[in-house]
Amino acid sequence: MSQSVSVAFVKQFEREVHEAYQRQGSKLRPFVRTVSNVKGSSVVFQKVGKGTAGTKTTHGLVPVMNISHTSAEALLVDYYAGDWVDKLDELKINHDERGVISNAGGYALGRKTDDLIIAALATATAIVIPDGNIGLTKDKVLLAFEKLGIADVPDDGQRVAVVGYKQWSELLKIPEFASSDYVGDELPWKGAQVKTWLGTTWIAFSGLPIDG
């Protein structure tokens, strides 16, 4: 018996894995900037600095802001999540084996995407909040909120806080976080614990690195 699999079968499996990834893959990907359909080995994200306004005299020249422009390059890497499906074995089983494996592949690629995002976060400039071995408290959250403001991190509704499930449980003990009177109704986010509080989207995530 030939062990080769038809090209159409392979293409169908790849399409199903891609659809599974889009449907139920990464939890963190929707919270970062992305570029789709990139041609090449890298993509560049533009970063624009702050401008400063000034005055001018009558018939004088309008002051120039001289906004700084920097860029961040992201190198593209291919990741694969494959497995074997015997077309003849599919005739002997009462479940959709290809569907099971394609969904598993979508989850695997989603977890890899989340791992890459967490690894990138680890290289960013850190704003450290003292631990004190007392868990996540309201005072710590407010201190972090204060430090982000001092650092001029835009408060434009796009701030995201990724916390572990233990920290999520500790946040639920804070009335301002748990009560809909403060944070409004839950966001309709499939497959994730998500809330908005202090202009920040909070998401519970199990893949954060554990220190100690």
Foldseek 3Di string as FASTA:
>chain_A
DDPDDDPVVVVVLVVLLVVLLVPDAAPCVVLDDDDPPDDDFKDKDKDKADFDADDADVVGDGDDRPIDIDIDMDTDDDDFQDDDDDPVVVVVDDDDPSNVSSNVSSHVVNVVVVVVVLVVVVPDDDDDFDDPVPADDPVSVVVVVVVCVVVVPDLPLSAEAEEAPVNVVVQCVPCCFVDCVNFNDFDPDPPWRWTDHPSYIYTHDHPHDDDD
